[in-house]
Amino acid sequence: MARQIGVGPTLFLMTTKAMSVLFLILFLINLPVLNFFYMGTRADPENTQSATQITEKFAQLSLGNIG
């Protein structure tokens, strides 16, 4: 492949592939943490509303939701 498109673009594509795999692995590792953040509103029985807007969903997954 390096002969067809050159060494620079080949290294870029290989690095992009490696970084994609790395971020996928890191995302999978962080799923329990995101679940912990999301469960922050479950402790409040009065707050049984479901998020309808994207900003509300983002607020549920943020660090400030731990309570």
PDB file of N, CA and C in Angstrom:
ATOM      1  N   MET A   1       0.815  -1.178   0.000  1.00  0.00           N
ATOM      2  CA  MET A   1       0.000   0.000   0.000  1.00  0.00           C
ATOM      3  C   MET A   1       0.868   1.256   0.000  1.00  0.00           C
ATOM      4  N   ALA A   2       2.008   1.219   0.659  1.00  0.00           N
ATOM      5  CA  ALA A   2       2.867   2.395   0.725  1.00  0.00           C
ATOM      6  C   ALA A   2       3.420   2.766  -0.644  1.00  0.00           C
ATOM      7  N   ARG A   3       3.591   1.805  -1.512  1.00  0.00           N
ATOM      8  CA  ARG A   3       4.094   2.104  -2.855  1.00  0.00           C
ATOM      9  C   ARG A   3       3.047   2.798  -3.704  1.00  0.00           C
ATOM     10  N   GLN A   4       1.783   2.481  -3.471  1.00  0.00           N
ATOM     11  CA  GLN A   4       0.716   3.050  -4.292  1.00  0.00           C
ATOM     12  C   GLN A   4       0.372   4.482  -3.883  1.00  0.00           C
ATOM     13  N   ILE A   5       0.232   4.748  -2.594  1.00  0.00           N
ATOM     14  CA  ILE A   5      -0.193   6.077  -2.165  1.00  0.00           C
ATOM     15  C   ILE A   5       0.900   6.865  -1.456  1.00  0.00           C
ATOM     16  N   GLY A   6       2.019   6.261  -1.167  1.00  0.00           N
ATOM     17  CA  GLY A   6       3.115   6.965  -0.511  1.00  0.00           C
ATOM     18  C   GLY A   6       3.220   6.597   0.963  1.00  0.00           C
ATOM     19  N   VAL A   7       4.379   6.921   1.519  1.00  0.00           N
ATOM     20  CA  VAL A   7       4.639   6.552   2.912  1.00  0.00           C
ATOM     21  C   VAL A   7       3.834   7.431   3.881  1.00  0.00           C
ATOM     22  N   GLY A   8       3.755   8.726   3.614  1.00  0.00           N
ATOM     23  CA  GLY A   8       3.058   9.636   4.525  1.00  0.00           C
ATOM     24  C   GLY A   8       1.586   9.297   4.703  1.00  0.00           C
ATOM     25  N   PRO A   9       0.820   9.184   3.608  1.00  0.00           N
ATOM     26  CA  PRO A   9      -0.590   8.817   3.762  1.00  0.00           C
ATOM     27  C   PRO A   9      -0.791   7.431   4.376  1.00  0.00           C
ATOM     28  N   THR A  10       0.116   6.516   4.088  1.00  0.00           N
ATOM     29  CA  THR A  10       0.013   5.184   4.672  1.00  0.00           C
ATOM     30  C   THR A  10       0.183   5.239   6.182  1.00  0.00           C
ATOM     31  N   LEU A  11       1.188   5.993   6.644  1.00  0.00           N
ATOM     32  CA  LEU A  11       1.392   6.132   8.085  1.00  0.00           C
ATOM     33  C   LEU A  11       0.207   6.847   8.744  1.00  0.00           C
ATOM     34  N   PHE A  12      -0.360   7.833   8.058  1.00  0.00           N
ATOM     35  CA  PHE A  12      -1.534   8.519   8.590  1.00  0.00           C
ATOM     36  C   PHE A  12      -2.693   7.554   8.762  1.00  0.00           C
ATOM     37  N   LEU A  13      -2.956   6.726   7.756  1.00  0.00           N
ATOM     38  CA  LEU A  13      -4.066   5.775   7.833  1.00  0.00           C
ATOM     39  C   LEU A  13      -3.828   4.727   8.921  1.00  0.00           C
ATOM     40  N   MET A  14      -2.594   4.266   9.071  1.00  0.00           N
ATOM     41  CA  MET A  14      -2.284   3.289  10.114  1.00  0.00           C
ATOM     42  C   MET A  14      -2.437   3.908  11.498  1.00  0.00           C
ATOM     43  N   THR A  15      -2.004   5.163  11.653  1.00  0.00           N
ATOM     44  CA  THR A  15      -2.148   5.842  12.935  1.00  0.00           C
ATOM     45  C   THR A  15      -3.613   6.090  13.251  1.00  0.00           C
ATOM     46  N   THR A  16      -4.393   6.483  12.260  1.00  0.00           N
ATOM     47  CA  THR A  16      -5.824   6.714  12.459  1.00  0.00           C
ATOM     48  C   THR A  16      -6.525   5.434  12.882  1.00  0.00           C
ATOM     49  N   LYS A  17      -6.164   4.330  12.273  1.00  0.00           N
ATOM     50  CA  LYS A  17      -6.758   3.040  12.636  1.00  0.00           C
ATOM     51  C   LYS A  17      -6.395   2.661  14.066  1.00  0.00           C
ATOM     52  N   ALA A  18      -5.138   2.855  14.440  1.00  0.00           N
ATOM     53  CA  ALA A  18      -4.699   2.524  15.794  1.00  0.00           C
ATOM     54  C   ALA A  18      -5.388   3.401  16.833  1.00  0.00           C
ATOM     55  N   MET A  19      -5.553   4.688  16.529  1.00  0.00           N
ATOM     56  CA  MET A  19      -6.222   5.586  17.467  1.00  0.00           C
ATOM     57  C   MET A  19      -7.709   5.250  17.581  1.00  0.00           C
ATOM     58  N   SER A  20      -8.337   4.839  16.498  1.00  0.00           N
ATOM     59  CA  SER A  20      -9.741   4.439  16.545  1.00  0.00           C
ATOM     60  C   SER A  20      -9.929   3.235  17.452  1.00  0.00           C
ATOM     61  N   VAL A  21      -9.063   2.265  17.336  1.00  0.00           N
ATOM     62  CA  VAL A  21      -9.140   1.078  18.184  1.00  0.00           C
ATOM     63  C   VAL A  21      -8.899   1.462  19.644  1.00  0.00           C
ATOM     64  N   LEU A  22      -7.926   2.335  19.900  1.00  0.00           N
ATOM     65  CA  LEU A  22      -7.634   2.772  21.256  1.00  0.00           C
ATOM     66  C   LEU A  22      -8.840   3.464  21.880  1.00  0.00           C
ATOM     67  N   PHE A  23      -9.467   4.401  21.164  1.00  0.00           N
ATOM     68  CA  PHE A  23     -10.615   5.111  21.715  1.00  0.00           C
ATOM     69  C   PHE A  23     -11.818   4.195  21.893  1.00  0.00           C
ATOM     70  N   LEU A  24     -11.982   3.206  21.054  1.00  0.00           N
ATOM     71  CA  LEU A  24     -13.055   2.234  21.240  1.00  0.00           C
ATOM     72  C   LEU A  24     -12.831   1.440  22.526  1.00  0.00           C
ATOM     73  N   ILE A  25     -11.608   1.006  22.764  1.00  0.00           N
ATOM     74  CA  ILE A  25     -11.291   0.269  23.987  1.00  0.00           C
ATOM     75  C   ILE A  25     -11.505   1.150  25.214  1.00  0.00           C
ATOM     76  N   LEU A  26     -11.055   2.407  25.153  1.00  0.00           N
ATOM     77  CA  LEU A  26     -11.236   3.311  26.288  1.00  0.00           C
ATOM     78  C   LEU A  26     -12.713   3.596  26.542  1.00  0.00           C
ATOM     79  N   PHE A  27     -13.505   3.704  25.480  1.00  0.00           N
ATOM     80  CA  PHE A  27     -14.947   3.898  25.646  1.00  0.00           C
ATOM     81  C   PHE A  27     -15.569   2.700  26.350  1.00  0.00           C
ATOM     82  N   LEU A  28     -15.192   1.494  25.959  1.00  0.00           N
ATOM     83  CA  LEU A  28     -15.742   0.295  26.591  1.00  0.00           C
ATOM     84  C   LEU A  28     -15.339   0.200  28.056  1.00  0.00           C
ATOM     85  N   ILE A  29     -14.119   0.633  28.369  1.00  0.00           N
ATOM     86  CA  ILE A  29     -13.677   0.627  29.758  1.00  0.00           C
ATOM     87  C   ILE A  29     -14.483   1.627  30.584  1.00  0.00           C
ATOM     88  N   ASN A  30     -14.869   2.755  29.994  1.00  0.00           N
ATOM     89  CA  ASN A  30     -15.571   3.808  30.720  1.00  0.00           C
ATOM     90  C   ASN A  30     -17.086   3.628  30.778  1.00  0.00           C
ATOM     91  N   LEU A  31     -17.644   2.615  30.169  1.00  0.00           N
ATOM     92  CA  LEU A  31     -19.089   2.394  30.235  1.00  0.00           C
ATOM     93  C   LEU A  31     -19.607   2.247  31.669  1.00  0.00           C
ATOM     94  N   PRO A  32     -18.928   1.524  32.566  1.00  0.00           N
ATOM     95  CA  PRO A  32     -19.425   1.483  33.950  1.00  0.00           C
ATOM     96  C   PRO A  32     -19.436   2.850  34.627  1.00  0.00           C
ATOM     97  N   VAL A  33     -18.476   3.693  34.317  1.00  0.00           N
ATOM     98  CA  VAL A  33     -18.443   5.036  34.895  1.00  0.00           C
ATOM     99  C   VAL A  33     -19.613   5.858  34.377  1.00  0.00           C
ATOM    100  N   LEU A  34     -19.895   5.782  33.085  1.00  0.00           N
ATOM    101  CA  LEU A  34     -21.041   6.501  32.531  1.00  0.00           C
ATOM    102  C   LEU A  34     -22.349   6.001  33.140  1.00  0.00           C
ATOM    103  N   ASN A  35     -22.443   4.716  33.378  1.00  0.00           N
ATOM    104  CA  ASN A  35     -23.631   4.159  34.020  1.00  0.00           C
ATOM    105  C   ASN A  35     -23.762   4.682  35.445  1.00  0.00           C
ATOM    106  N   PHE A  36     -22.663   4.801  36.159  1.00  0.00           N
ATOM    107  CA  PHE A  36     -22.679   5.352  37.512  1.00  0.00           C
ATOM    108  C   PHE A  36     -23.161   6.791  37.501  1.00  0.00           C
ATOM    109  N   PHE A  37     -22.700   7.588  36.560  1.00  0.00           N
ATOM    110  CA  PHE A  37     -23.148   8.974  36.446  1.00  0.00           C
ATOM    111  C   PHE A  37     -24.643   9.034  36.134  1.00  0.00           C
ATOM    112  N   TYR A  38     -25.115   8.170  35.253  1.00  0.00           N
ATOM    113  CA  TYR A  38     -26.519   8.162  34.851  1.00  0.00           C
ATOM    114  C   TYR A  38     -27.429   7.779  36.014  1.00  0.00           C
ATOM    115  N   MET A  39     -26.966   6.888  36.873  1.00  0.00           N
ATOM    116  CA  MET A  39     -27.788   6.416  37.986  1.00  0.00           C
ATOM    117  C   MET A  39     -27.879   7.438  39.112  1.00  0.00           C
ATOM    118  N   GLY A  40     -27.262   8.598  38.984  1.00  0.00           N
ATOM    119  CA  GLY A  40     -27.293   9.607  40.033  1.00  0.00           C
ATOM    120  C   GLY A  40     -28.681  10.126  40.324  1.00  0.00           C
ATOM    121  N   THR A  41     -29.576  10.166  39.353  1.00  0.00           N
ATOM    122  CA  THR A  41     -30.931  10.661  39.588  1.00  0.00           C
ATOM    123  C   THR A  41     -31.855   9.570  40.099  1.00  0.00           C
ATOM    124  N   ARG A  42     -31.431   8.336  40.047  1.00  0.00           N
ATOM    125  CA  ARG A  42     -32.299   7.240  40.490  1.00  0.00           C
ATOM    126  C   ARG A  42     -32.475   7.240  42.009  1.00  0.00           C
ATOM    127  N   ALA A  43     -31.555   7.865  42.764  1.00  0.00           N
ATOM    128  CA  ALA A  43     -31.651   7.882  44.216  1.00  0.00           C
ATOM    129  C   ALA A  43     -32.782   8.792  44.692  1.00  0.00           C
ATOM    130  N   ASP A  44     -33.209   9.721  43.868  1.00  0.00           N
ATOM    131  CA  ASP A  44     -34.268  10.662  44.221  1.00  0.00           C
ATOM    132  C   ASP A  44     -35.604  10.126  43.718  1.00  0.00           C
ATOM    133  N   PRO A  45     -36.473   9.633  44.610  1.00  0.00           N
ATOM    134  CA  PRO A  45     -37.738   9.045  44.145  1.00  0.00           C
ATOM    135  C   PRO A  45     -38.694  10.072  43.553  1.00  0.00           C
ATOM    136  N   GLU A  46     -38.528  11.356  43.902  1.00  0.00           N
ATOM    137  CA  GLU A  46     -39.412  12.376  43.353  1.00  0.00           C
ATOM    138  C   GLU A  46     -39.084  12.706  41.907  1.00  0.00           C
ATOM    139  N   ASN A  47     -37.862  12.452  41.502  1.00  0.00           N
ATOM    140  CA  ASN A  47     -37.418  12.784  40.150  1.00  0.00           C
ATOM    141  C   ASN A  47     -37.530  11.550  39.259  1.00  0.00           C
ATOM    142  N   THR A  48     -38.725  11.315  38.750  1.00  0.00           N
ATOM    143  CA  THR A  48     -38.933  10.144  37.889  1.00  0.00           C
ATOM    144  C   THR A  48     -39.139  10.559  36.441  1.00  0.00           C
ATOM    145  N   GLN A  49     -38.806  11.804  36.121  1.00  0.00           N
ATOM    146  CA  GLN A  49     -38.983  12.286  34.764  1.00  0.00           C
ATOM    147  C   GLN A  49     -37.929  11.679  33.852  1.00  0.00           C
ATOM    148  N   SER A  50     -38.327  11.412  32.634  1.00  0.00           N
ATOM    149  CA  SER A  50     -37.351  10.941  31.661  1.00  0.00           C
ATOM    150  C   SER A  50     -36.854  12.134  30.846  1.00  0.00           C
ATOM    151  N   ALA A  51     -35.623  12.063  30.430  1.00  0.00           N
ATOM    152  CA  ALA A  51     -35.026  13.151  29.658  1.00  0.00           C
ATOM    153  C   ALA A  51     -35.618  13.170  28.261  1.00  0.00           C
ATOM    154  N   THR A  52     -36.026  14.350  27.819  1.00  0.00           N
ATOM    155  CA  THR A  52     -36.620  14.473  26.498  1.00  0.00           C
ATOM    156  C   THR A  52     -35.728  15.243  25.539  1.00  0.00           C
ATOM    157  N   GLN A  53     -34.906  16.146  26.055  1.00  0.00           N
ATOM    158  CA  GLN A  53     -34.024  16.933  25.204  1.00  0.00           C
ATOM    159  C   GLN A  53     -32.597  16.430  25.333  1.00  0.00           C
ATOM    160  N   ILE A  54     -31.794  16.754  24.342  1.00  0.00           N
ATOM    161  CA  ILE A  54     -30.402  16.302  24.342  1.00  0.00           C
ATOM    162  C   ILE A  54     -29.618  16.927  25.493  1.00  0.00           C
ATOM    163  N   THR A  55     -29.973  18.140  25.892  1.00  0.00           N
ATOM    164  CA  THR A  55     -29.267  18.773  27.017  1.00  0.00           C
ATOM    165  C   THR A  55     -29.571  18.063  28.327  1.00  0.00           C
ATOM    166  N   GLU A  56     -30.787  17.573  28.485  1.00  0.00           N
ATOM    167  CA  GLU A  56     -31.124  16.818  29.691  1.00  0.00           C
ATOM    168  C   GLU A  56     -30.395  15.476  29.726  1.00  0.00           C
ATOM    169  N   LYS A  57     -30.282  14.839  28.577  1.00  0.00           N
ATOM    170  CA  LYS A  57     -29.552  13.572  28.518  1.00  0.00           C
ATOM    171  C   LYS A  57     -28.066  13.779  28.818  1.00  0.00           C
ATOM    172  N   PHE A  58     -27.511  14.875  28.305  1.00  0.00           N
ATOM    173  CA  PHE A  58     -26.113  15.183  28.589  1.00  0.00           C
ATOM    174  C   PHE A  58     -25.915  15.476  30.071  1.00  0.00           C
ATOM    175  N   ALA A  59     -26.875  16.155  30.688  1.00  0.00           N
ATOM    176  CA  ALA A  59     -26.782  16.452  32.109  1.00  0.00           C
ATOM    177  C   ALA A  59     -26.834  15.180  32.948  1.00  0.00           C
ATOM    178  N   GLN A  60     -27.586  14.184  32.506  1.00  0.00           N
ATOM    179  CA  GLN A  60     -27.657  12.929  33.237  1.00  0.00           C
ATOM    180  C   GLN A  60     -26.352  12.143  33.158  1.00  0.00           C
ATOM    181  N   LEU A  61     -25.582  12.336  32.107  1.00  0.00           N
ATOM    182  CA  LEU A  61     -24.322  11.606  31.942  1.00  0.00           C
ATOM    183  C   LEU A  61     -23.113  12.397  32.419  1.00  0.00           C
ATOM    184  N   SER A  62     -23.341  13.553  33.040  1.00  0.00           N
ATOM    185  CA  SER A  62     -22.207  14.378  33.449  1.00  0.00           C
ATOM    186  C   SER A  62     -21.810  14.073  34.892  1.00  0.00           C
ATOM    187  N   LEU A  63     -20.647  14.541  35.274  1.00  0.00           N
ATOM    188  CA  LEU A  63     -20.100  14.309  36.599  1.00  0.00           C
ATOM    189  C   LEU A  63     -20.958  14.971  37.673  1.00  0.00           C
ATOM    190  N   GLY A  64     -21.604  16.076  37.359  1.00  0.00           N
ATOM    191  CA  GLY A  64     -22.423  16.782  38.326  1.00  0.00           C
ATOM    192  C   GLY A  64     -23.685  16.055  38.712  1.00  0.00           C
ATOM    193  N   ASN A  65     -24.027  14.986  38.045  1.00  0.00           N
ATOM    194  CA  ASN A  65     -25.237  14.241  38.322  1.00  0.00           C
ATOM    195  C   ASN A  65     -25.071  13.275  39.489  1.00  0.00           C
ATOM    196  N   ILE A  66     -23.867  13.120  40.016  1.00  0.00           N
ATOM    197  CA  ILE A  66     -23.645  12.154  41.082  1.00  0.00           C
ATOM    198  C   ILE A  66     -24.465  12.514  42.323  1.00  0.00           C
ATOM    199  N   GLY A  67     -24.615  13.801  42.575  1.00  0.00           N
ATOM    200  CA  GLY A  67     -25.468  14.265  43.648  1.00  0.00           C
ATOM    201  C   GLY A  67     -24.763  14.221  44.956  1.00  0.00           C
TER     202      GLY A  67
END
